[in-house]
């Protein structure tokens, strides 16, 4: 998986530039290695070898393997922000239910594109404060954007959300979706074993909960 590298995060020792190919190869190396290796099992040596750089070059750009993972993770958040950008200017030209499903599905596409990285980060959160803070900050920002969107619709009589506490509602809905996507990934990993629920049934239920919770009778 190759990523768009444009931003720096805590622990990232050098601001990225367009010609910074070595830095990009280091990030790509971590993303590729996480397809088969946990963050705990990664080493600077294995990352440098995968990227085709020396350890000295690695430490020129990053202070640790966690800083590289955080840089990759922040770029995924940027993609998700872009995928949900239409929340800021929804104009009711598209019916509410299809609009909601499209926003969810666009976010799911980003998640699935980076599923190995995201699931590795979820597993590593308890052991790495930087990853945990980055993850929590993004989810809080996404929930806040959604809460503003829903509250604006409610205040203008366009929606009847399940509760007036829109921050709590959106936090719960985002948490549900993360759980569903994590379960969907786990089911895909165990695709040869019989499963009581398919991944798509879980996603269908999640979409239905979003629509009912956000729009109420107005849909």
N, C-alpha and C. Protein backbone atom coordinates (compact mmCIF):
# COMPACT_ATOMS: atom_id res chain seq x y z
N UNK A 1 0.84 -1.20 0.00
CA UNK A 1 0.00 0.00 0.00
C UNK A 1 0.87 1.25 0.00
N UNK A 2 0.69 2.13 -0.96
CA UNK A 2 1.44 3.38 -1.00
C UNK A 2 0.53 4.51 -0.58
N UNK A 3 1.07 5.43 0.22
CA UNK A 3 0.25 6.45 0.84
C UNK A 3 0.68 7.84 0.39
N UNK A 4 -0.24 8.80 0.58
CA UNK A 4 0.05 10.20 0.30
C UNK A 4 0.67 10.81 1.55
N UNK A 5 1.92 11.24 1.47
CA UNK A 5 2.64 11.67 2.67
C UNK A 5 2.81 13.18 2.63
N UNK A 6 2.07 13.91 3.47
CA UNK A 6 2.15 15.36 3.40
C UNK A 6 2.29 16.03 4.76
N UNK A 7 2.09 15.30 5.88
CA UNK A 7 2.04 15.97 7.17
C UNK A 7 2.97 15.29 8.16
N UNK A 8 3.42 16.05 9.17
CA UNK A 8 4.28 15.51 10.21
C UNK A 8 3.51 15.40 11.51
N UNK A 9 3.93 14.47 12.39
CA UNK A 9 3.28 14.28 13.68
C UNK A 9 4.33 14.25 14.75
N UNK A 10 3.90 14.16 16.01
CA UNK A 10 4.82 14.12 17.13
C UNK A 10 5.80 12.97 16.95
N UNK A 11 7.09 13.25 17.12
CA UNK A 11 8.10 12.23 16.95
C UNK A 11 8.68 12.18 15.55
N UNK A 12 8.08 12.88 14.64
CA UNK A 12 8.53 12.95 13.25
C UNK A 12 9.53 14.10 13.19
N UNK A 13 10.80 13.80 12.99
CA UNK A 13 11.85 14.78 13.22
C UNK A 13 12.11 15.74 12.06
N UNK A 14 11.53 15.51 10.94
CA UNK A 14 11.83 16.37 9.80
C UNK A 14 10.57 16.62 8.99
N UNK A 15 10.20 17.90 8.78
CA UNK A 15 9.00 18.18 7.98
C UNK A 15 9.13 17.57 6.60
N UNK A 16 8.07 16.92 6.10
CA UNK A 16 8.17 16.27 4.79
C UNK A 16 8.25 17.27 3.65
N UNK A 17 8.90 16.88 2.58
CA UNK A 17 8.95 17.69 1.38
C UNK A 17 8.59 16.80 0.19
N UNK A 18 8.32 17.41 -0.91
CA UNK A 18 7.85 16.66 -2.09
C UNK A 18 8.89 15.64 -2.54
N UNK A 19 10.14 16.00 -2.43
CA UNK A 19 11.19 15.11 -2.90
C UNK A 19 11.71 14.15 -1.84
N UNK A 20 11.03 14.04 -0.76
CA UNK A 20 11.53 13.24 0.36
C UNK A 20 11.22 11.76 0.14
N UNK A 21 11.89 11.14 -0.78
CA UNK A 21 11.57 9.76 -1.15
C UNK A 21 11.94 8.77 -0.07
N UNK A 22 13.04 9.01 0.64
CA UNK A 22 13.43 8.07 1.69
C UNK A 22 12.39 8.01 2.79
N UNK A 23 11.92 9.17 3.20
CA UNK A 23 10.90 9.21 4.25
C UNK A 23 9.66 8.45 3.81
N UNK A 24 9.26 8.66 2.57
CA UNK A 24 8.10 7.97 2.04
C UNK A 24 8.28 6.47 2.01
N UNK A 25 9.49 6.02 1.65
CA UNK A 25 9.75 4.58 1.61
C UNK A 25 9.68 3.97 3.00
N UNK A 26 10.08 4.71 4.01
CA UNK A 26 10.01 4.21 5.38
C UNK A 26 8.55 4.01 5.80
N UNK A 27 7.70 4.98 5.48
CA UNK A 27 6.28 4.85 5.81
C UNK A 27 5.66 3.69 5.05
N UNK A 28 5.97 3.60 3.76
CA UNK A 28 5.44 2.49 2.96
C UNK A 28 5.91 1.14 3.51
N UNK A 29 7.15 1.08 3.97
CA UNK A 29 7.68 -0.17 4.51
C UNK A 29 6.90 -0.62 5.73
N UNK A 30 6.59 0.32 6.62
CA UNK A 30 5.81 -0.04 7.81
C UNK A 30 4.41 -0.51 7.43
N UNK A 31 3.77 0.19 6.51
CA UNK A 31 2.43 -0.20 6.08
C UNK A 31 2.45 -1.60 5.47
N UNK A 32 3.46 -1.89 4.65
CA UNK A 32 3.57 -3.21 4.03
C UNK A 32 3.83 -4.28 5.09
N UNK A 33 4.72 -4.02 6.03
CA UNK A 33 5.06 -5.01 7.05
C UNK A 33 3.87 -5.32 7.96
N UNK A 34 3.01 -4.33 8.18
CA UNK A 34 1.86 -4.55 9.07
C UNK A 34 0.81 -5.47 8.44
N UNK A 35 0.96 -5.80 7.17
CA UNK A 35 0.08 -6.78 6.55
C UNK A 35 0.26 -8.15 7.19
N UNK A 36 1.46 -8.41 7.71
CA UNK A 36 1.77 -9.74 8.26
C UNK A 36 2.40 -9.70 9.65
N UNK A 37 2.69 -8.50 10.16
CA UNK A 37 3.43 -8.36 11.41
C UNK A 37 2.73 -7.36 12.32
N UNK A 38 2.69 -7.63 13.62
CA UNK A 38 2.11 -6.68 14.57
C UNK A 38 3.10 -5.55 14.82
N UNK A 39 2.59 -4.43 15.35
CA UNK A 39 3.47 -3.31 15.67
C UNK A 39 4.51 -3.73 16.70
N UNK A 40 4.11 -4.53 17.67
CA UNK A 40 5.04 -4.98 18.71
C UNK A 40 6.20 -5.76 18.13
N UNK A 41 5.96 -6.49 17.04
CA UNK A 41 7.00 -7.32 16.44
C UNK A 41 7.88 -6.57 15.45
N UNK A 42 7.48 -5.37 15.07
CA UNK A 42 8.31 -4.57 14.16
C UNK A 42 9.60 -4.14 14.85
N UNK A 43 10.65 -4.03 14.07
CA UNK A 43 11.89 -3.47 14.58
C UNK A 43 12.39 -2.42 13.61
N UNK A 44 13.20 -1.50 14.11
CA UNK A 44 13.77 -0.49 13.22
C UNK A 44 14.60 -1.16 12.13
N UNK A 45 15.30 -2.22 12.49
CA UNK A 45 16.12 -2.93 11.51
C UNK A 45 15.27 -3.49 10.37
N UNK A 46 14.16 -4.14 10.73
CA UNK A 46 13.31 -4.73 9.69
C UNK A 46 12.66 -3.66 8.83
N UNK A 47 12.29 -2.54 9.44
CA UNK A 47 11.69 -1.44 8.67
C UNK A 47 12.70 -0.86 7.70
N UNK A 48 13.92 -0.60 8.21
CA UNK A 48 14.96 -0.03 7.36
C UNK A 48 15.30 -0.97 6.21
N UNK A 49 15.36 -2.26 6.50
CA UNK A 49 15.67 -3.23 5.45
C UNK A 49 14.57 -3.23 4.39
N UNK A 50 13.31 -3.22 4.83
CA UNK A 50 12.19 -3.21 3.89
C UNK A 50 12.19 -1.94 3.04
N UNK A 51 12.58 -0.82 3.66
CA UNK A 51 12.58 0.46 2.95
C UNK A 51 13.81 0.66 2.09
N UNK A 52 14.84 -0.17 2.30
CA UNK A 52 16.08 -0.01 1.54
C UNK A 52 16.91 1.16 2.01
N UNK A 53 16.85 1.46 3.33
CA UNK A 53 17.64 2.56 3.90
C UNK A 53 18.41 2.02 5.10
N UNK A 54 19.38 2.78 5.58
CA UNK A 54 20.12 2.40 6.77
C UNK A 54 19.42 2.88 8.03
N UNK A 55 19.86 2.35 9.18
CA UNK A 55 19.29 2.78 10.46
C UNK A 55 19.51 4.28 10.68
N UNK A 56 20.67 4.78 10.25
CA UNK A 56 20.94 6.21 10.42
C UNK A 56 19.93 7.05 9.66
N UNK A 57 19.61 6.61 8.45
CA UNK A 57 18.60 7.33 7.67
C UNK A 57 17.24 7.26 8.34
N UNK A 58 16.91 6.09 8.88
CA UNK A 58 15.63 5.95 9.60
C UNK A 58 15.53 7.00 10.70
N UNK A 59 16.57 7.07 11.54
CA UNK A 59 16.51 7.98 12.69
C UNK A 59 16.66 9.44 12.30
N UNK A 60 17.07 9.70 11.08
CA UNK A 60 17.08 11.08 10.59
C UNK A 60 15.65 11.60 10.45
N UNK A 61 14.74 10.70 10.09
CA UNK A 61 13.35 11.09 9.86
C UNK A 61 12.43 10.83 11.05
N UNK A 62 12.65 9.76 11.78
CA UNK A 62 11.72 9.34 12.83
C UNK A 62 12.49 8.93 14.08
N UNK A 63 11.87 9.18 15.23
CA UNK A 63 12.52 8.81 16.49
C UNK A 63 12.25 7.37 16.90
N UNK A 64 11.22 6.73 16.31
CA UNK A 64 10.89 5.36 16.69
C UNK A 64 9.96 4.76 15.64
N UNK A 65 9.74 3.45 15.75
CA UNK A 65 8.79 2.79 14.85
C UNK A 65 7.38 3.33 15.07
N UNK A 66 7.07 3.72 16.30
CA UNK A 66 5.72 4.23 16.59
C UNK A 66 5.48 5.57 15.91
N UNK A 67 6.54 6.37 15.76
CA UNK A 67 6.39 7.64 15.07
C UNK A 67 6.06 7.42 13.60
N UNK A 68 6.62 6.36 12.99
CA UNK A 68 6.30 6.05 11.59
C UNK A 68 4.84 5.61 11.48
N UNK A 69 4.41 4.75 12.39
CA UNK A 69 3.02 4.29 12.36
C UNK A 69 2.08 5.47 12.55
N UNK A 70 2.43 6.38 13.46
CA UNK A 70 1.59 7.55 13.69
C UNK A 70 1.51 8.43 12.44
N UNK A 71 2.63 8.56 11.72
CA UNK A 71 2.61 9.34 10.48
C UNK A 71 1.70 8.71 9.45
N UNK A 72 1.77 7.38 9.32
CA UNK A 72 0.89 6.68 8.39
C UNK A 72 -0.57 6.83 8.81
N UNK A 73 -0.82 6.72 10.11
CA UNK A 73 -2.20 6.80 10.62
C UNK A 73 -2.79 8.17 10.37
N UNK A 74 -2.02 9.21 10.56
CA UNK A 74 -2.55 10.56 10.35
C UNK A 74 -2.94 10.78 8.89
N UNK A 75 -2.22 10.16 7.98
CA UNK A 75 -2.57 10.29 6.57
C UNK A 75 -3.90 9.59 6.25
N UNK A 76 -4.17 8.48 6.96
CA UNK A 76 -5.47 7.83 6.79
C UNK A 76 -6.58 8.75 7.28
N UNK A 77 -6.34 9.41 8.42
CA UNK A 77 -7.36 10.34 8.95
C UNK A 77 -7.65 11.44 7.94
N UNK A 78 -6.62 11.92 7.25
CA UNK A 78 -6.82 12.94 6.23
C UNK A 78 -7.72 12.42 5.12
N UNK A 79 -7.51 11.18 4.70
CA UNK A 79 -8.38 10.58 3.68
C UNK A 79 -9.82 10.48 4.17
N UNK A 80 -10.00 10.10 5.44
CA UNK A 80 -11.35 9.99 5.98
C UNK A 80 -12.03 11.36 6.08
N UNK A 81 -11.26 12.38 6.43
CA UNK A 81 -11.82 13.73 6.46
C UNK A 81 -12.31 14.14 5.07
N UNK A 82 -11.52 13.80 4.07
CA UNK A 82 -11.90 14.12 2.69
C UNK A 82 -13.15 13.35 2.27
N UNK A 83 -13.22 12.08 2.68
CA UNK A 83 -14.36 11.23 2.31
C UNK A 83 -15.66 11.73 2.91
N UNK A 84 -15.59 12.43 4.05
CA UNK A 84 -16.81 12.92 4.71
C UNK A 84 -16.96 14.44 4.59
N UNK A 85 -16.24 15.05 3.65
CA UNK A 85 -16.25 16.51 3.52
C UNK A 85 -17.63 17.05 3.18
N UNK A 86 -18.47 16.26 2.50
CA UNK A 86 -19.79 16.76 2.09
C UNK A 86 -20.73 17.01 3.26
N UNK A 87 -20.38 16.52 4.44
CA UNK A 87 -21.21 16.82 5.61
C UNK A 87 -21.31 18.32 5.85
N UNK A 88 -20.30 19.06 5.42
CA UNK A 88 -20.27 20.50 5.68
C UNK A 88 -21.19 21.30 4.77
N UNK A 89 -21.61 20.72 3.64
CA UNK A 89 -22.43 21.50 2.70
C UNK A 89 -23.58 20.68 2.12
N UNK A 90 -24.14 19.77 2.90
CA UNK A 90 -25.29 19.01 2.44
C UNK A 90 -26.45 19.96 2.14
N UNK A 91 -27.06 19.83 0.96
CA UNK A 91 -28.08 20.80 0.53
C UNK A 91 -29.44 20.16 0.23
N UNK A 92 -29.62 18.91 0.64
CA UNK A 92 -30.90 18.21 0.49
C UNK A 92 -31.26 17.92 -0.96
N UNK A 93 -30.34 18.12 -1.89
CA UNK A 93 -30.61 17.70 -3.26
C UNK A 93 -30.62 16.18 -3.35
N UNK A 94 -29.90 15.54 -2.45
CA UNK A 94 -29.88 14.08 -2.36
C UNK A 94 -30.71 13.67 -1.15
N UNK A 95 -31.61 12.69 -1.27
CA UNK A 95 -32.41 12.27 -0.12
C UNK A 95 -31.54 11.86 1.07
N UNK A 96 -32.03 12.08 2.30
CA UNK A 96 -31.21 11.84 3.49
C UNK A 96 -30.65 10.42 3.60
N UNK A 97 -31.49 9.41 3.37
CA UNK A 97 -31.02 8.03 3.58
C UNK A 97 -29.89 7.67 2.61
N UNK A 98 -30.03 7.90 1.29
CA UNK A 98 -28.92 7.60 0.38
C UNK A 98 -27.66 8.41 0.70
N UNK A 99 -27.86 9.68 1.11
CA UNK A 99 -26.71 10.50 1.47
C UNK A 99 -25.95 9.89 2.64
N UNK A 100 -26.66 9.48 3.68
CA UNK A 100 -26.03 8.88 4.86
C UNK A 100 -25.29 7.61 4.49
N UNK A 101 -25.94 6.76 3.72
CA UNK A 101 -25.31 5.50 3.31
C UNK A 101 -24.05 5.77 2.49
N UNK A 102 -24.12 6.77 1.61
CA UNK A 102 -22.95 7.09 0.79
C UNK A 102 -21.79 7.58 1.64
N UNK A 103 -22.07 8.42 2.64
CA UNK A 103 -21.02 8.90 3.52
C UNK A 103 -20.38 7.73 4.29
N UNK A 104 -21.23 6.84 4.78
CA UNK A 104 -20.71 5.67 5.51
C UNK A 104 -19.86 4.81 4.58
N UNK A 105 -20.39 4.54 3.39
CA UNK A 105 -19.68 3.65 2.47
C UNK A 105 -18.37 4.26 1.98
N UNK A 106 -18.34 5.58 1.79
CA UNK A 106 -17.09 6.23 1.40
C UNK A 106 -16.05 6.09 2.50
N UNK A 107 -16.47 6.22 3.76
CA UNK A 107 -15.55 6.04 4.88
C UNK A 107 -15.09 4.59 4.98
N UNK A 108 -16.00 3.66 4.71
CA UNK A 108 -15.65 2.23 4.76
C UNK A 108 -14.59 1.90 3.71
N UNK A 109 -14.71 2.50 2.52
CA UNK A 109 -13.72 2.26 1.47
C UNK A 109 -12.32 2.66 1.96
N UNK A 110 -12.22 3.81 2.63
CA UNK A 110 -10.93 4.25 3.16
C UNK A 110 -10.44 3.27 4.21
N UNK A 111 -11.33 2.88 5.12
CA UNK A 111 -10.94 1.93 6.18
C UNK A 111 -10.40 0.64 5.58
N UNK A 112 -11.14 0.08 4.62
CA UNK A 112 -10.74 -1.21 4.06
C UNK A 112 -9.44 -1.10 3.26
N UNK A 113 -9.20 0.06 2.67
CA UNK A 113 -7.94 0.27 1.94
C UNK A 113 -6.74 0.19 2.89
N UNK A 114 -6.96 0.60 4.14
CA UNK A 114 -5.87 0.64 5.12
C UNK A 114 -6.18 -0.27 6.32
N UNK A 115 -6.93 -1.34 6.07
CA UNK A 115 -7.40 -2.18 7.16
C UNK A 115 -6.31 -2.76 8.03
N UNK A 116 -5.21 -3.23 7.41
CA UNK A 116 -4.13 -3.83 8.20
C UNK A 116 -3.51 -2.82 9.15
N UNK A 117 -3.26 -1.62 8.65
CA UNK A 117 -2.69 -0.57 9.48
C UNK A 117 -3.63 -0.19 10.62
N UNK A 118 -4.91 0.03 10.31
CA UNK A 118 -5.86 0.47 11.32
C UNK A 118 -6.07 -0.59 12.39
N UNK A 119 -6.17 -1.84 12.00
CA UNK A 119 -6.36 -2.89 12.99
C UNK A 119 -5.11 -3.10 13.83
N UNK A 120 -3.94 -2.94 13.24
CA UNK A 120 -2.71 -3.02 14.02
C UNK A 120 -2.65 -1.89 15.05
N UNK A 121 -3.09 -0.70 14.64
CA UNK A 121 -3.10 0.43 15.57
C UNK A 121 -4.10 0.22 16.71
N UNK A 122 -5.25 -0.33 16.39
CA UNK A 122 -6.22 -0.63 17.44
C UNK A 122 -5.64 -1.58 18.47
N UNK A 123 -4.92 -2.58 18.02
CA UNK A 123 -4.33 -3.55 18.93
C UNK A 123 -3.21 -2.93 19.75
N UNK A 124 -2.51 -1.93 19.18
CA UNK A 124 -1.36 -1.34 19.86
C UNK A 124 -1.72 -0.16 20.75
N UNK A 125 -2.94 0.34 20.66
CA UNK A 125 -3.33 1.53 21.44
C UNK A 125 -3.02 1.41 22.92
N UNK A 126 -3.33 0.28 23.57
CA UNK A 126 -3.08 0.21 25.02
C UNK A 126 -1.61 0.36 25.39
N UNK A 127 -0.69 0.08 24.46
CA UNK A 127 0.73 0.09 24.80
C UNK A 127 1.48 1.31 24.28
N UNK A 128 0.80 2.17 23.50
CA UNK A 128 1.49 3.32 22.95
C UNK A 128 0.66 4.59 23.10
N UNK A 129 1.06 5.49 24.00
CA UNK A 129 0.27 6.71 24.26
C UNK A 129 0.12 7.61 23.04
N UNK A 130 1.15 7.70 22.20
CA UNK A 130 1.05 8.58 21.03
C UNK A 130 -0.02 8.09 20.07
N UNK A 131 -0.01 6.79 19.77
CA UNK A 131 -1.03 6.23 18.90
C UNK A 131 -2.41 6.38 19.51
N UNK A 132 -2.50 6.13 20.82
CA UNK A 132 -3.78 6.24 21.50
C UNK A 132 -4.33 7.66 21.42
N UNK A 133 -3.45 8.65 21.67
CA UNK A 133 -3.89 10.05 21.62
C UNK A 133 -4.30 10.44 20.21
N UNK A 134 -3.53 10.01 19.21
CA UNK A 134 -3.84 10.35 17.82
C UNK A 134 -5.18 9.75 17.42
N UNK A 135 -5.39 8.49 17.78
CA UNK A 135 -6.65 7.81 17.48
C UNK A 135 -7.82 8.50 18.14
N UNK A 136 -7.70 8.79 19.45
CA UNK A 136 -8.79 9.41 20.20
C UNK A 136 -9.09 10.82 19.68
N UNK A 137 -8.05 11.56 19.32
CA UNK A 137 -8.26 12.92 18.80
C UNK A 137 -9.02 12.89 17.48
N UNK A 138 -8.64 11.97 16.60
CA UNK A 138 -9.35 11.89 15.33
C UNK A 138 -10.81 11.53 15.53
N UNK A 139 -11.07 10.50 16.35
CA UNK A 139 -12.45 10.08 16.56
C UNK A 139 -13.27 11.20 17.19
N UNK A 140 -12.65 11.97 18.10
CA UNK A 140 -13.34 13.10 18.71
C UNK A 140 -13.66 14.17 17.67
N UNK A 141 -12.70 14.43 16.78
CA UNK A 141 -12.94 15.44 15.73
C UNK A 141 -14.03 14.99 14.76
N UNK A 142 -13.99 13.70 14.37
CA UNK A 142 -15.02 13.18 13.47
C UNK A 142 -16.39 13.22 14.13
N UNK A 143 -16.45 12.80 15.40
CA UNK A 143 -17.72 12.83 16.13
C UNK A 143 -18.24 14.26 16.26
N UNK A 144 -17.32 15.20 16.49
CA UNK A 144 -17.73 16.60 16.60
C UNK A 144 -18.28 17.14 15.30
N UNK A 145 -17.67 16.77 14.18
CA UNK A 145 -18.17 17.21 12.87
C UNK A 145 -19.56 16.66 12.61
N UNK A 146 -19.74 15.39 12.95
CA UNK A 146 -21.05 14.76 12.77
C UNK A 146 -22.09 15.37 13.69
N UNK A 147 -21.69 15.66 14.93
CA UNK A 147 -22.63 16.24 15.90
C UNK A 147 -23.11 17.61 15.41
N UNK A 148 -22.21 18.41 14.87
CA UNK A 148 -22.58 19.72 14.33
C UNK A 148 -23.55 19.57 13.17
N UNK A 149 -23.28 18.62 12.29
CA UNK A 149 -24.14 18.35 11.14
C UNK A 149 -25.54 17.97 11.60
N UNK A 150 -25.64 17.02 12.52
CA UNK A 150 -26.95 16.55 12.98
C UNK A 150 -27.69 17.64 13.73
N UNK A 151 -26.99 18.39 14.58
CA UNK A 151 -27.64 19.45 15.35
C UNK A 151 -28.19 20.54 14.43
N UNK A 152 -27.44 20.86 13.38
CA UNK A 152 -27.91 21.87 12.42
C UNK A 152 -29.19 21.41 11.72
N UNK A 153 -29.23 20.16 11.30
CA UNK A 153 -30.42 19.61 10.66
C UNK A 153 -31.61 19.60 11.62
N UNK A 154 -31.34 19.20 12.87
CA UNK A 154 -32.41 19.15 13.87
C UNK A 154 -32.96 20.54 14.13
N UNK A 155 -32.07 21.51 14.30
CA UNK A 155 -32.51 22.87 14.65
C UNK A 155 -33.29 23.53 13.52
N UNK A 156 -33.09 23.04 12.28
CA UNK A 156 -33.82 23.58 11.13
C UNK A 156 -35.01 22.72 10.74
N UNK A 157 -35.34 21.76 11.60
CA UNK A 157 -36.51 20.93 11.38
C UNK A 157 -36.37 19.88 10.31
N UNK A 158 -35.14 19.55 9.92
CA UNK A 158 -34.93 18.58 8.86
C UNK A 158 -34.65 17.17 9.37
N UNK A 159 -34.44 17.02 10.65
CA UNK A 159 -34.12 15.70 11.20
C UNK A 159 -34.68 15.58 12.61
N UNK A 160 -34.92 14.34 13.01
CA UNK A 160 -35.40 14.05 14.37
C UNK A 160 -34.50 13.00 14.98
N UNK A 161 -33.28 13.40 15.42
CA UNK A 161 -32.33 12.41 15.92
C UNK A 161 -32.85 11.71 17.17
N UNK A 162 -32.27 10.54 17.45
CA UNK A 162 -32.75 9.69 18.54
C UNK A 162 -32.60 10.35 19.90
N UNK A 163 -31.70 11.31 20.03
CA UNK A 163 -31.51 12.02 21.30
C UNK A 163 -31.07 13.45 21.00
N UNK A 164 -31.38 14.37 21.91
CA UNK A 164 -30.91 15.75 21.73
C UNK A 164 -29.43 15.87 22.05
N UNK A 165 -28.88 14.87 22.71
CA UNK A 165 -27.45 14.88 23.05
C UNK A 165 -26.66 14.38 21.84
N UNK A 166 -26.51 15.27 20.85
CA UNK A 166 -25.87 14.85 19.60
C UNK A 166 -24.38 14.47 19.77
N UNK A 167 -23.63 15.11 20.67
CA UNK A 167 -22.24 14.64 20.84
C UNK A 167 -22.18 13.18 21.31
N UNK A 168 -23.04 12.82 22.27
CA UNK A 168 -23.06 11.43 22.73
C UNK A 168 -23.55 10.50 21.62
N UNK A 169 -24.54 10.95 20.86
CA UNK A 169 -25.09 10.13 19.78
C UNK A 169 -24.02 9.83 18.73
N UNK A 170 -23.32 10.86 18.28
CA UNK A 170 -22.33 10.63 17.24
C UNK A 170 -21.14 9.81 17.76
N UNK A 171 -20.76 10.04 19.01
CA UNK A 171 -19.67 9.24 19.58
C UNK A 171 -20.06 7.76 19.59
N UNK A 172 -21.32 7.48 19.97
CA UNK A 172 -21.79 6.09 19.99
C UNK A 172 -21.84 5.50 18.58
N UNK A 173 -22.31 6.29 17.61
CA UNK A 173 -22.42 5.80 16.24
C UNK A 173 -21.04 5.53 15.63
N UNK A 174 -20.10 6.43 15.88
CA UNK A 174 -18.74 6.21 15.37
C UNK A 174 -18.12 4.98 16.03
N UNK A 175 -18.33 4.83 17.35
CA UNK A 175 -17.82 3.66 18.03
C UNK A 175 -18.42 2.37 17.49
N UNK A 176 -19.71 2.39 17.22
CA UNK A 176 -20.37 1.23 16.63
C UNK A 176 -19.76 0.88 15.28
N UNK A 177 -19.51 1.90 14.47
CA UNK A 177 -18.98 1.66 13.13
C UNK A 177 -17.56 1.10 13.18
N UNK A 178 -16.74 1.63 14.09
CA UNK A 178 -15.39 1.08 14.26
C UNK A 178 -15.47 -0.39 14.67
N UNK A 179 -16.37 -0.69 15.60
CA UNK A 179 -16.53 -2.09 16.02
C UNK A 179 -16.95 -2.97 14.83
N UNK A 180 -17.92 -2.48 14.05
CA UNK A 180 -18.40 -3.26 12.90
C UNK A 180 -17.29 -3.51 11.89
N UNK A 181 -16.50 -2.47 11.61
CA UNK A 181 -15.42 -2.62 10.65
C UNK A 181 -14.33 -3.55 11.18
N UNK A 182 -14.10 -3.51 12.48
CA UNK A 182 -13.13 -4.42 13.08
C UNK A 182 -13.62 -5.86 12.99
N UNK A 183 -14.91 -6.06 13.26
CA UNK A 183 -15.50 -7.39 13.13
C UNK A 183 -15.49 -7.85 11.68
N UNK A 184 -15.76 -6.92 10.77
CA UNK A 184 -15.76 -7.27 9.34
C UNK A 184 -14.38 -7.73 8.92
N UNK A 185 -13.35 -7.05 9.39
CA UNK A 185 -11.98 -7.44 9.08
C UNK A 185 -11.68 -8.83 9.65
N UNK A 186 -12.11 -9.05 10.91
CA UNK A 186 -11.86 -10.34 11.54
C UNK A 186 -12.57 -11.47 10.81
N UNK A 187 -13.80 -11.21 10.35
CA UNK A 187 -14.53 -12.23 9.61
C UNK A 187 -13.84 -12.54 8.28
N UNK A 188 -13.31 -11.50 7.64
CA UNK A 188 -12.60 -11.72 6.38
C UNK A 188 -11.35 -12.58 6.60
N UNK A 189 -10.70 -12.38 7.74
CA UNK A 189 -9.50 -13.17 8.05
C UNK A 189 -9.84 -14.63 8.31
N UNK A 190 -11.09 -14.88 8.74
CA UNK A 190 -11.52 -16.25 9.03
C UNK A 190 -12.56 -16.71 8.02
N UNK A 191 -12.37 -16.34 6.78
CA UNK A 191 -13.41 -16.56 5.76
C UNK A 191 -13.70 -18.03 5.50
N UNK A 192 -12.76 -18.92 5.85
CA UNK A 192 -12.99 -20.34 5.58
C UNK A 192 -13.83 -21.01 6.66
N UNK A 193 -14.01 -20.36 7.79
CA UNK A 193 -14.78 -20.94 8.89
C UNK A 193 -16.23 -20.49 8.79
N UNK A 194 -17.18 -21.34 9.17
CA UNK A 194 -18.59 -20.93 9.15
C UNK A 194 -18.85 -19.82 10.15
N UNK A 195 -19.62 -18.79 9.73
CA UNK A 195 -19.90 -17.65 10.60
C UNK A 195 -21.40 -17.48 10.78
N UNK A 196 -21.85 -17.21 12.02
CA UNK A 196 -23.29 -17.03 12.25
C UNK A 196 -23.84 -15.78 11.57
N UNK A 197 -22.98 -14.74 11.40
CA UNK A 197 -23.39 -13.51 10.75
C UNK A 197 -22.36 -13.13 9.70
N UNK A 198 -22.82 -12.74 8.53
CA UNK A 198 -21.89 -12.30 7.51
C UNK A 198 -21.47 -10.86 7.79
N UNK A 199 -20.32 -10.48 7.22
CA UNK A 199 -19.84 -9.12 7.38
C UNK A 199 -20.82 -8.11 6.78
N UNK A 200 -21.42 -8.45 5.65
CA UNK A 200 -22.33 -7.52 5.01
C UNK A 200 -23.61 -7.33 5.83
N UNK A 201 -24.08 -8.37 6.50
CA UNK A 201 -25.25 -8.22 7.39
C UNK A 201 -24.94 -7.26 8.53
N UNK A 202 -23.73 -7.35 9.07
CA UNK A 202 -23.33 -6.42 10.12
C UNK A 202 -23.31 -4.99 9.60
N UNK A 203 -22.78 -4.78 8.37
CA UNK A 203 -22.73 -3.44 7.81
C UNK A 203 -24.13 -2.93 7.50
N UNK A 204 -25.02 -3.79 7.01
CA UNK A 204 -26.40 -3.37 6.74
C UNK A 204 -27.08 -2.89 8.02
N UNK A 205 -26.87 -3.63 9.11
CA UNK A 205 -27.46 -3.24 10.39
C UNK A 205 -26.89 -1.91 10.87
N UNK A 206 -25.60 -1.72 10.68
CA UNK A 206 -24.97 -0.46 11.10
C UNK A 206 -25.51 0.71 10.30
N UNK A 207 -25.67 0.54 9.00
CA UNK A 207 -26.25 1.61 8.17
C UNK A 207 -27.66 1.95 8.64
N UNK A 208 -28.46 0.91 8.94
CA UNK A 208 -29.84 1.13 9.38
C UNK A 208 -29.87 1.90 10.70
N UNK A 209 -28.96 1.59 11.60
CA UNK A 209 -28.91 2.29 12.89
C UNK A 209 -28.53 3.75 12.69
N UNK A 210 -27.56 4.02 11.81
CA UNK A 210 -27.20 5.39 11.50
C UNK A 210 -28.41 6.18 10.98
N UNK A 211 -29.11 5.61 10.01
CA UNK A 211 -30.22 6.34 9.39
C UNK A 211 -31.31 6.62 10.41
N UNK A 212 -31.70 5.59 11.16
CA UNK A 212 -32.77 5.76 12.15
C UNK A 212 -32.36 6.73 13.25
N UNK A 213 -31.11 6.64 13.68
CA UNK A 213 -30.66 7.50 14.79
C UNK A 213 -30.48 8.95 14.38
N UNK A 214 -30.01 9.18 13.15
CA UNK A 214 -29.76 10.54 12.69
C UNK A 214 -31.00 11.25 12.22
N UNK A 215 -31.80 10.56 11.42
CA UNK A 215 -32.88 11.23 10.71
C UNK A 215 -34.26 11.05 11.34
N UNK A 216 -34.43 9.98 12.08
CA UNK A 216 -35.73 9.73 12.69
C UNK A 216 -36.83 9.63 11.66
N UNK A 217 -37.96 10.24 11.93
CA UNK A 217 -39.11 10.13 11.02
C UNK A 217 -38.95 10.97 9.75
N UNK A 218 -37.89 11.82 9.71
CA UNK A 218 -37.76 12.72 8.57
C UNK A 218 -37.20 12.03 7.32
N UNK A 219 -36.71 10.82 7.45
CA UNK A 219 -36.06 10.17 6.31
C UNK A 219 -37.03 9.80 5.23
